Amino acid sequence: DTSGDTPSRWLAYSPPPLAVPLDYYDTGKFNRFESKPLSGLFAAAVVLDRAGWVDQNSGSKIQVGDLEDFEGGEIRGFRLGGVGTINFDRPWIWTLFGATHAFDKGFDAPENDDFTWFDVRLDIPLWEKTTFSIGKQKEPISMERLTPLNHLPMQERSAVADAILPARNVGVVVSSMAFNDNVVLAGGVFNNWLDKDQPDSISDNATAVVGRATWVPFEDATRSTLFHLGAGYRYSDAKEGGLVRTEPEINSAPDFVTSDLFEADEINTYQLEASMRSGRLWVHGEYLRADVDADELLDPTVEGYHVTAAWSLSGEMREYNRRLGLFRGLPIARTVYQNGWGSLEASARYSRLDANDGLLEAGDMDIWSAGIAWWLTPYFHLSLNYRYITLDRDGVVGTSQGFNSRLALILE
């Protein structure tokens, strides 16, 4: 069933952190442990990047410095942890994964290599199609943000997603399916006071209320063509202030769009998404807008969008996960161990981030991207991305072009 309609044992609204076929019920795996009260398996992943810049004009050098200083290889990230069940009559699912900040980022993740627990969560079934999740997890907003990084056609998320939305937060989420599983609703409340380096009191930390609704208005009889629509909303009381900061969709680059930390009374974020899959073609777009209530900055708005198209060169079709309201990574018909070529996908993306508004002058950025990704097996991945970047900041327009190659190895 290529539509992803078959029942899943994965209960949570957020997918497994490593997004590989982590079958935590498979007792034959060497990395699995089993006991009467608790069972699960351990896994890890390492991602290696190498960036190179082929062009940069004088305006870009004024804005961000010489990009040749940011060429070379790096460990993009390292992650390890486990997932499994607490064996009640209706099993709960536990998830515990840590990573370097570099592995997954948002506006709340600084550029350093500190190790952080990213997913610390319990997923509890309330009834057949409703789940309660508690712990550090992804907020229920944006298909791009919810999709694991190694399932996206591009190596990095769009600049607007990293500039406006957090990577993780501490809180609770309730999600449920309705209307013949064509509608999924999810909502949660978050406050990161339990995270490291945060104030001890809930009242000193920002509280966010977040929700997302998705709908499948059309699927053809062959289940090859499917349309997806979604909308999300996020309210934050902004008690920790706000900032806008992101690199140009190449992890080793400096921040192109950047602001100082500013005080705000509240931030309201709105999100829209639309997807169409037809066989080997997948087209997805998202729009994000954050209205900042900050009198000193004249109440600026930060907004942006991206449109991404991906084409499976090897013929596979991305599955749609109705439980989560998102598309899975490209499956592999035959791995290299099965005398096949794995799966091969080409992609293109245009993204825009507007962060010059009111007295906020963080920068406006446009990025044209092209990429190719090759999964030799579900655990070994090679990819190459190209970016052409235009940045309007500090009264200067800068342009630059760069490449990034990636090797990802999942140990499971």
Protein backbone atom coordinates (compact mmCIF):
# COMPACT_ATOMS: atom_id res chain seq x y z
CA ASP A 1 0.00 0.00 0.00
CA THR A 2 2.02 2.97 -1.28
CA SER A 3 -0.35 5.54 0.16
CA GLY A 4 0.78 4.91 3.73
CA ASP A 5 -2.80 4.07 4.82
CA THR A 6 -1.84 0.83 6.53
CA PRO A 7 -2.03 0.81 10.36
CA SER A 8 1.12 1.90 12.15
CA ARG A 9 2.40 1.05 15.60
CA TRP A 10 3.97 4.51 15.82
CA LEU A 11 1.60 6.55 17.99
CA ALA A 12 3.22 9.96 18.27
CA TYR A 13 2.52 13.02 16.18
CA SER A 14 6.28 13.46 15.71
CA PRO A 15 7.92 10.70 13.62
CA PRO A 16 10.85 8.62 14.93
CA PRO A 17 13.88 10.91 15.31
CA LEU A 18 16.12 9.03 12.89
CA ALA A 19 13.24 8.37 10.47
CA VAL A 20 14.46 4.95 9.35
CA PRO A 21 12.48 1.70 9.60
CA LEU A 22 13.08 1.52 13.34
CA ASP A 23 11.01 -1.58 14.08
CA TYR A 24 11.15 -1.56 17.84
CA TYR A 25 8.99 -4.73 17.87
CA ASP A 26 11.55 -6.80 15.89
CA THR A 27 13.08 -9.18 18.41
CA GLY A 28 15.73 -10.33 15.91
CA LYS A 29 17.74 -7.12 15.95
CA PHE A 30 21.15 -7.18 17.67
CA ASN A 31 20.62 -3.74 19.19
CA ARG A 32 17.28 -4.59 20.77
CA PHE A 33 16.66 -5.36 24.44
CA GLU A 34 13.62 -7.06 25.89
CA SER A 35 12.20 -7.29 29.40
CA LYS A 36 8.75 -7.72 30.86
CA PRO A 37 8.20 -4.05 31.76
CA LEU A 38 10.36 -2.37 29.10
CA SER A 39 11.71 -3.06 25.61
CA GLY A 40 13.33 -1.13 22.80
CA LEU A 41 16.36 -0.65 20.60
CA PHE A 42 19.29 1.72 20.33
CA ALA A 43 20.42 3.64 17.24
CA ALA A 44 22.84 6.37 16.20
CA ALA A 45 23.60 8.56 13.19
CA VAL A 46 26.50 10.67 11.98
CA VAL A 47 26.32 13.29 9.23
CA LEU A 48 29.44 14.64 7.47
CA ASP A 49 29.38 17.79 5.32
CA ARG A 50 31.82 19.54 3.00
CA ALA A 51 31.03 23.07 1.77
CA GLY A 52 32.61 25.07 -1.01
CA TRP A 53 31.90 28.58 -2.31
CA VAL A 54 32.32 29.33 -6.01
CA ASP A 55 31.36 33.01 -6.16
CA GLN A 56 30.82 36.01 -3.86
CA ASN A 57 30.44 39.67 -4.80
CA SER A 58 31.82 42.62 -2.86
CA GLY A 59 28.45 43.41 -1.27
CA SER A 60 28.29 39.91 0.24
CA LYS A 61 31.81 40.26 1.66
CA ILE A 62 30.78 43.50 3.37
CA GLN A 63 27.75 41.77 4.90
CA VAL A 64 29.12 38.40 6.05
CA GLY A 65 32.89 38.42 5.45
CA ASP A 66 34.92 36.23 3.12
CA LEU A 67 33.08 32.93 2.65
CA GLU A 68 36.31 31.12 1.79
CA ASP A 69 36.91 31.07 5.55
CA PHE A 70 33.89 28.74 5.87
CA GLU A 71 34.94 26.17 3.28
CA GLY A 72 35.89 22.61 4.16
CA GLY A 73 34.49 19.64 5.98
CA GLU A 74 32.66 19.36 9.28
CA ILE A 75 30.69 16.90 11.36
CA ARG A 76 27.21 18.22 10.63
CA GLY A 77 25.85 16.34 13.57
CA PHE A 78 25.88 13.25 15.70
CA ARG A 79 22.82 11.67 17.30
CA LEU A 80 22.24 8.62 19.45
CA GLY A 81 19.51 7.23 21.62
CA GLY A 82 16.73 4.73 21.66
CA VAL A 83 13.03 4.09 21.17
CA GLY A 84 10.78 1.36 22.51
CA THR A 85 7.75 0.43 24.57
CA ILE A 86 6.60 0.38 28.18
CA ASN A 87 4.61 -2.82 28.17
CA PHE A 88 1.17 -1.98 29.52
CA ASP A 89 -1.91 -3.66 28.01
CA ARG A 90 -1.88 -0.75 25.57
CA PRO A 91 1.87 -0.08 25.30
CA TRP A 92 3.29 3.39 25.75
CA ILE A 93 6.15 4.43 23.50
CA TRP A 94 9.29 6.03 24.96
CA THR A 95 11.80 8.03 22.96
CA LEU A 96 15.19 9.26 24.16
CA PHE A 97 17.63 10.82 21.68
CA GLY A 98 20.46 13.29 22.11
CA ALA A 99 22.46 15.21 19.53
CA THR A 100 24.89 17.98 18.92
CA HIS A 101 23.13 21.30 18.30
CA ALA A 102 24.45 21.14 14.75
CA PHE A 103 22.23 18.17 13.91
CA ASP A 104 18.91 20.00 14.11
CA LYS A 105 18.38 23.67 14.66
CA GLY A 106 15.87 26.45 14.95
CA PHE A 107 15.84 29.92 16.40
CA ASP A 108 16.42 28.43 19.87
CA ALA A 109 19.56 26.45 18.94
CA PRO A 110 22.82 28.39 18.96
CA GLU A 111 25.70 27.55 16.66
CA ASN A 112 27.82 25.29 18.83
CA ASP A 113 28.56 21.62 19.27
CA ASP A 114 27.13 21.17 22.77
CA PHE A 115 25.37 17.86 23.27
CA THR A 116 21.67 18.24 24.05
CA TRP A 117 18.82 15.84 24.67
CA PHE A 118 16.57 16.59 21.72
CA ASP A 119 13.78 14.03 22.12
CA VAL A 120 12.74 12.98 25.63
CA ARG A 121 9.15 11.87 25.28
CA LEU A 122 6.38 9.48 26.28
CA ASP A 123 3.55 8.79 23.81
CA ILE A 124 0.42 7.48 25.51
CA PRO A 125 -2.61 6.12 23.60
CA LEU A 126 -5.83 7.68 24.91
CA TRP A 127 -8.11 5.82 22.53
CA GLU A 128 -7.88 4.28 19.08
CA LYS A 129 -6.85 7.36 17.07
CA THR A 130 -5.91 9.84 19.78
CA THR A 131 -2.50 10.13 21.44
CA PHE A 132 -1.12 12.20 24.31
CA SER A 133 2.61 13.04 24.14
CA ILE A 134 4.59 14.61 26.96
CA GLY A 135 8.24 15.72 27.08
CA LYS A 136 10.74 17.49 24.86
CA GLN A 137 9.50 17.18 21.31
CA LYS A 138 8.69 19.00 18.09
CA GLU A 139 5.85 21.48 18.20
CA PRO A 140 2.84 20.52 16.01
CA ILE A 141 3.33 23.06 13.23
CA SER A 142 4.72 22.91 9.66
CA MET A 143 5.25 19.76 7.62
CA GLU A 144 8.79 20.88 6.88
CA ARG A 145 9.64 21.28 10.56
CA LEU A 146 7.96 18.00 11.59
CA THR A 147 9.61 15.94 8.83
CA PRO A 148 12.96 14.47 9.90
CA LEU A 149 15.85 16.23 8.21
CA ASN A 150 17.07 13.16 6.33
CA HIS A 151 13.62 12.64 4.78
CA LEU A 152 13.53 16.08 3.16
CA PRO A 153 14.64 16.37 -0.48
CA MET A 154 17.05 19.21 0.41
CA GLN A 155 19.87 18.91 2.97
CA GLU A 156 18.58 21.80 5.10
CA ARG A 157 15.18 23.22 5.88
CA SER A 158 14.18 26.52 4.32
CA ALA A 159 15.64 29.66 5.89
CA VAL A 160 12.23 30.91 7.02
CA ALA A 161 11.54 27.70 8.99
CA ASP A 162 14.80 27.99 10.91
CA ALA A 163 14.35 31.74 11.45
CA ILE A 164 10.81 31.58 12.84
CA LEU A 165 10.18 28.11 14.32
CA PRO A 166 12.01 26.27 17.13
CA ALA A 167 13.64 22.89 16.75
CA ARG A 168 12.18 21.40 19.96
CA ASN A 169 10.30 22.52 23.05
CA VAL A 170 9.13 21.00 26.33
CA GLY A 171 5.41 20.44 26.58
CA VAL A 172 2.38 18.29 25.86
CA VAL A 173 0.65 17.45 22.56
CA VAL A 174 -2.72 15.83 21.88
CA SER A 175 -3.36 14.59 18.34
CA SER A 176 -6.25 12.78 16.70
CA MET A 177 -7.56 11.63 13.31
CA ALA A 178 -11.10 12.21 12.00
CA PHE A 179 -13.34 12.09 8.93
CA ASN A 180 -12.21 8.73 7.63
CA ASP A 181 -8.59 9.59 8.51
CA ASN A 182 -8.54 12.47 6.02
CA VAL A 183 -8.25 15.10 8.77
CA VAL A 184 -5.62 15.23 11.50
CA LEU A 185 -5.77 17.72 14.38
CA ALA A 186 -2.96 18.38 16.84
CA GLY A 187 -2.41 20.96 19.56
CA GLY A 188 -0.04 21.53 22.44
CA VAL A 189 1.23 23.81 25.18
CA PHE A 190 4.96 24.35 25.71
CA ASN A 191 7.34 25.95 28.21
CA ASN A 192 11.04 25.04 28.14
CA TRP A 193 11.81 25.65 31.82
CA LEU A 194 13.10 22.08 32.21
CA ASP A 195 15.66 22.49 29.43
CA LYS A 196 19.27 23.21 30.29
CA ASP A 197 20.49 26.81 30.74
CA GLN A 198 16.90 28.01 31.23
CA PRO A 199 15.49 29.92 34.24
CA ASP A 200 14.10 27.68 36.97
CA SER A 201 10.58 29.08 36.97
CA ILE A 202 7.85 28.46 34.42
CA SER A 203 6.82 32.11 34.73
CA ASP A 204 10.30 33.26 33.65
CA ASN A 205 10.22 31.24 30.41
CA ALA A 206 8.19 31.78 27.29
CA THR A 207 4.94 29.82 27.06
CA ALA A 208 3.69 28.82 23.61
CA VAL A 209 0.34 27.44 22.43
CA VAL A 210 0.65 25.64 19.09
CA GLY A 211 -1.76 23.83 16.76
CA ARG A 212 -1.92 22.28 13.28
CA ALA A 213 -4.74 20.91 11.14
CA THR A 214 -4.25 18.91 7.94
CA TRP A 215 -6.70 17.66 5.33
CA VAL A 216 -6.54 15.32 2.34
CA PRO A 217 -9.20 16.73 -0.01
CA PHE A 218 -8.41 14.38 -2.90
CA GLU A 219 -6.83 11.00 -3.59
CA ASP A 220 -7.37 9.15 -6.85
CA ALA A 221 -8.50 5.54 -7.12
CA THR A 222 -4.96 4.28 -7.74
CA ARG A 223 -3.65 6.17 -4.68
CA SER A 224 -0.93 7.63 -6.87
CA THR A 225 -2.15 11.24 -6.86
CA LEU A 226 -2.88 12.93 -3.54
CA PHE A 227 -3.44 16.52 -2.43
CA HIS A 228 -2.64 17.73 1.09
CA LEU A 229 -3.54 21.02 2.77
CA GLY A 230 -2.52 22.24 6.20
CA ALA A 231 -2.57 25.25 8.48
CA GLY A 232 -0.86 26.03 11.77
CA TYR A 233 -0.83 28.70 14.46
CA ARG A 234 1.62 29.50 17.26
CA TYR A 235 1.18 32.00 20.08
CA SER A 236 4.12 32.91 22.33
CA ASP A 237 4.12 35.34 25.23
CA ALA A 238 7.77 36.09 24.30
CA LYS A 239 8.97 36.34 27.89
CA GLU A 240 12.50 35.46 26.76
CA GLY A 241 12.43 38.00 23.94
CA GLY A 242 12.98 37.15 20.31
CA LEU A 243 15.54 37.22 17.55
CA VAL A 244 15.75 36.39 13.86
CA ARG A 245 18.82 34.46 12.79
CA THR A 246 19.61 31.92 10.08
CA GLU A 247 22.34 30.86 7.69
CA PRO A 248 21.67 30.53 3.91
CA GLU A 249 20.59 26.86 4.04
CA ILE A 250 24.24 25.73 4.26
CA ASN A 251 25.04 24.74 7.82
CA SER A 252 28.71 25.79 7.92
CA ALA A 253 27.97 29.31 6.60
CA PRO A 254 27.76 32.35 8.87
CA ASP A 255 24.37 33.85 9.68
CA PHE A 256 23.18 35.87 6.68
CA VAL A 257 19.94 37.07 8.24
CA THR A 258 20.54 38.17 11.83
CA SER A 259 19.21 40.49 14.50
CA ASP A 260 19.99 41.31 18.12
CA LEU A 261 17.81 39.87 20.85
CA PHE A 262 14.78 42.14 21.27
CA GLU A 263 11.99 42.47 23.79
CA ALA A 264 8.42 41.73 22.72
CA ASP A 265 5.03 41.48 24.38
CA GLU A 266 3.92 38.53 22.22
CA ILE A 267 4.59 36.82 18.90
CA ASN A 268 1.81 35.34 16.75
CA THR A 269 2.94 32.97 14.00
CA TYR A 270 0.73 31.76 11.14
CA GLN A 271 1.56 28.89 8.79
CA LEU A 272 0.01 27.48 5.59
CA GLU A 273 1.12 24.46 3.57
CA ALA A 274 0.08 22.62 0.43
CA SER A 275 1.40 19.43 -1.18
CA MET A 276 0.70 17.43 -4.30
CA ARG A 277 2.12 13.99 -4.99
CA SER A 278 1.58 12.33 -8.32
CA GLY A 279 3.60 9.16 -8.72
CA ARG A 280 7.28 9.99 -8.61
CA LEU A 281 6.65 13.77 -8.46
CA TRP A 282 6.19 15.65 -5.18
CA VAL A 283 5.59 19.41 -4.98
CA HIS A 284 5.36 21.13 -1.59
CA GLY A 285 5.09 24.74 -0.48
CA GLU A 286 4.80 26.54 2.86
CA TYR A 287 4.21 30.12 4.00
CA LEU A 288 5.17 31.42 7.45
CA ARG A 289 4.43 34.80 9.03
CA ALA A 290 5.38 36.01 12.52
CA ASP A 291 3.71 39.19 13.78
CA VAL A 292 5.89 40.63 16.53
CA ASP A 293 4.29 42.90 19.15
CA ALA A 294 7.34 45.06 19.94
CA ASP A 295 6.74 48.81 20.19
CA GLU A 296 10.44 49.69 20.08
CA LEU A 297 10.71 48.00 16.66
CA LEU A 298 7.35 49.37 15.40
CA ASP A 299 5.71 45.91 15.54
CA PRO A 300 7.62 44.25 12.69
CA THR A 301 6.46 41.26 10.64
CA VAL A 302 8.87 38.48 9.65
CA GLU A 303 7.59 36.31 6.82
CA GLY A 304 8.71 33.98 4.09
CA TYR A 305 7.91 30.93 2.04
CA HIS A 306 9.39 28.16 -0.04
CA VAL A 307 8.29 26.02 -2.97
CA THR A 308 10.03 22.67 -3.42
CA ALA A 309 9.74 20.10 -6.21
CA ALA A 310 11.24 16.60 -6.02
CA TRP A 311 11.39 13.98 -8.78
CA SER A 312 12.29 10.34 -8.17
CA LEU A 313 14.81 9.39 -10.86
CA SER A 314 14.65 5.74 -9.78
CA GLY A 315 10.85 5.56 -10.00
CA GLU A 316 9.77 5.21 -6.37
CA MET A 317 6.90 7.21 -4.86
CA ARG A 318 6.93 8.97 -1.50
CA GLU A 319 4.37 7.52 0.89
CA TYR A 320 1.91 9.72 2.74
CA ASN A 321 1.58 9.14 6.48
CA ARG A 322 -2.02 9.92 7.40
CA ARG A 323 -1.36 9.61 11.12
CA LEU A 324 1.12 12.51 11.00
CA GLY A 325 -0.11 14.47 7.98
CA LEU A 326 3.25 14.41 6.21
CA PHE A 327 5.16 12.61 3.47
CA ARG A 328 7.76 10.02 4.29
CA GLY A 329 11.18 9.82 2.70
CA LEU A 330 11.66 8.21 -0.68
CA PRO A 331 11.47 4.40 -0.28
CA ILE A 332 14.06 2.08 -1.80
CA ALA A 333 12.82 -0.55 -4.23
CA ARG A 334 16.18 -2.40 -4.31
CA THR A 335 19.21 -1.53 -2.23
CA VAL A 336 22.79 -1.96 -3.44
CA TYR A 337 22.90 -5.13 -1.31
CA GLN A 338 20.05 -6.50 -3.46
CA ASN A 339 21.91 -5.80 -6.73
CA GLY A 340 19.98 -2.58 -7.13
CA TRP A 341 20.89 1.09 -7.29
CA GLY A 342 18.98 2.30 -4.24
CA SER A 343 16.77 5.36 -4.67
CA LEU A 344 17.78 8.54 -6.48
CA GLU A 345 15.93 11.86 -6.26
CA ALA A 346 16.48 15.26 -7.88
CA SER A 347 15.01 18.40 -6.33
CA ALA A 348 14.73 22.16 -6.75
CA ARG A 349 13.62 24.86 -4.32
CA TYR A 350 13.03 28.58 -4.16
CA SER A 351 12.85 30.14 -0.71
CA ARG A 352 12.40 33.70 0.51
CA LEU A 353 12.76 35.28 3.95
CA ASP A 354 11.74 38.90 4.59
CA ALA A 355 13.07 40.23 7.90
CA ASN A 356 13.39 43.96 7.13
CA ASP A 357 10.27 45.57 8.56
CA GLY A 358 9.56 48.40 10.97
CA LEU A 359 12.85 49.05 12.76
CA LEU A 360 13.91 45.40 12.42
CA GLU A 361 16.67 45.18 9.81
CA ALA A 362 17.77 41.55 9.96
CA GLY A 363 17.85 41.13 6.16
CA ASP A 364 15.82 39.95 3.19
CA MET A 365 17.14 36.78 1.53
CA ASP A 366 16.26 34.83 -1.63
CA ILE A 367 17.75 31.39 -2.31
CA TRP A 368 17.56 29.26 -5.45
CA SER A 369 18.58 25.64 -4.82
CA ALA A 370 19.11 22.43 -6.73
CA GLY A 371 19.96 19.06 -5.28
CA ILE A 372 20.37 15.35 -5.83
CA ALA A 373 20.13 12.67 -3.16
CA TRP A 374 21.07 9.00 -3.37
CA TRP A 375 19.99 6.46 -0.76
CA LEU A 376 22.09 3.33 -1.35
CA THR A 377 20.38 1.61 1.58
CA PRO A 378 17.98 2.88 4.28
CA TYR A 379 21.10 3.58 6.37
CA PHE A 380 23.56 5.14 3.89
CA HIS A 381 22.90 8.41 2.10
CA LEU A 382 24.87 10.70 -0.24
CA SER A 383 23.69 14.11 -1.47
CA LEU A 384 24.85 17.29 -3.19
CA ASN A 385 23.13 20.70 -2.98
CA TYR A 386 23.74 24.00 -4.81
CA ARG A 387 22.62 27.44 -3.59
CA TYR A 388 22.43 30.84 -5.29
CA ILE A 389 21.82 33.45 -2.60
CA THR A 390 20.79 37.11 -2.75
CA LEU A 391 20.87 39.11 0.51
CA ASP A 392 19.57 42.66 1.04
CA ARG A 393 20.97 43.88 4.36
CA ASP A 394 22.64 47.00 5.76
CA GLY A 395 21.79 48.96 2.61
CA VAL A 396 23.83 46.53 0.48
CA VAL A 397 22.79 43.74 -1.90
CA GLY A 398 25.11 40.76 -1.81
CA THR A 399 25.14 37.63 -3.97
CA SER A 400 26.95 34.33 -3.46
CA GLN A 401 26.96 30.76 -4.76
CA GLY A 402 27.94 27.61 -2.94
CA PHE A 403 27.82 23.81 -2.88
CA ASN A 404 27.51 21.36 -0.01
CA SER A 405 28.07 17.61 -0.18
CA ARG A 406 26.82 15.26 2.54
CA LEU A 407 27.36 11.72 3.72
CA ALA A 408 24.91 10.33 6.28
CA LEU A 409 25.40 7.02 8.06
CA ILE A 410 22.71 5.60 10.32
CA LEU A 411 23.81 2.93 12.74
CA GLU A 412 20.83 0.76 13.63
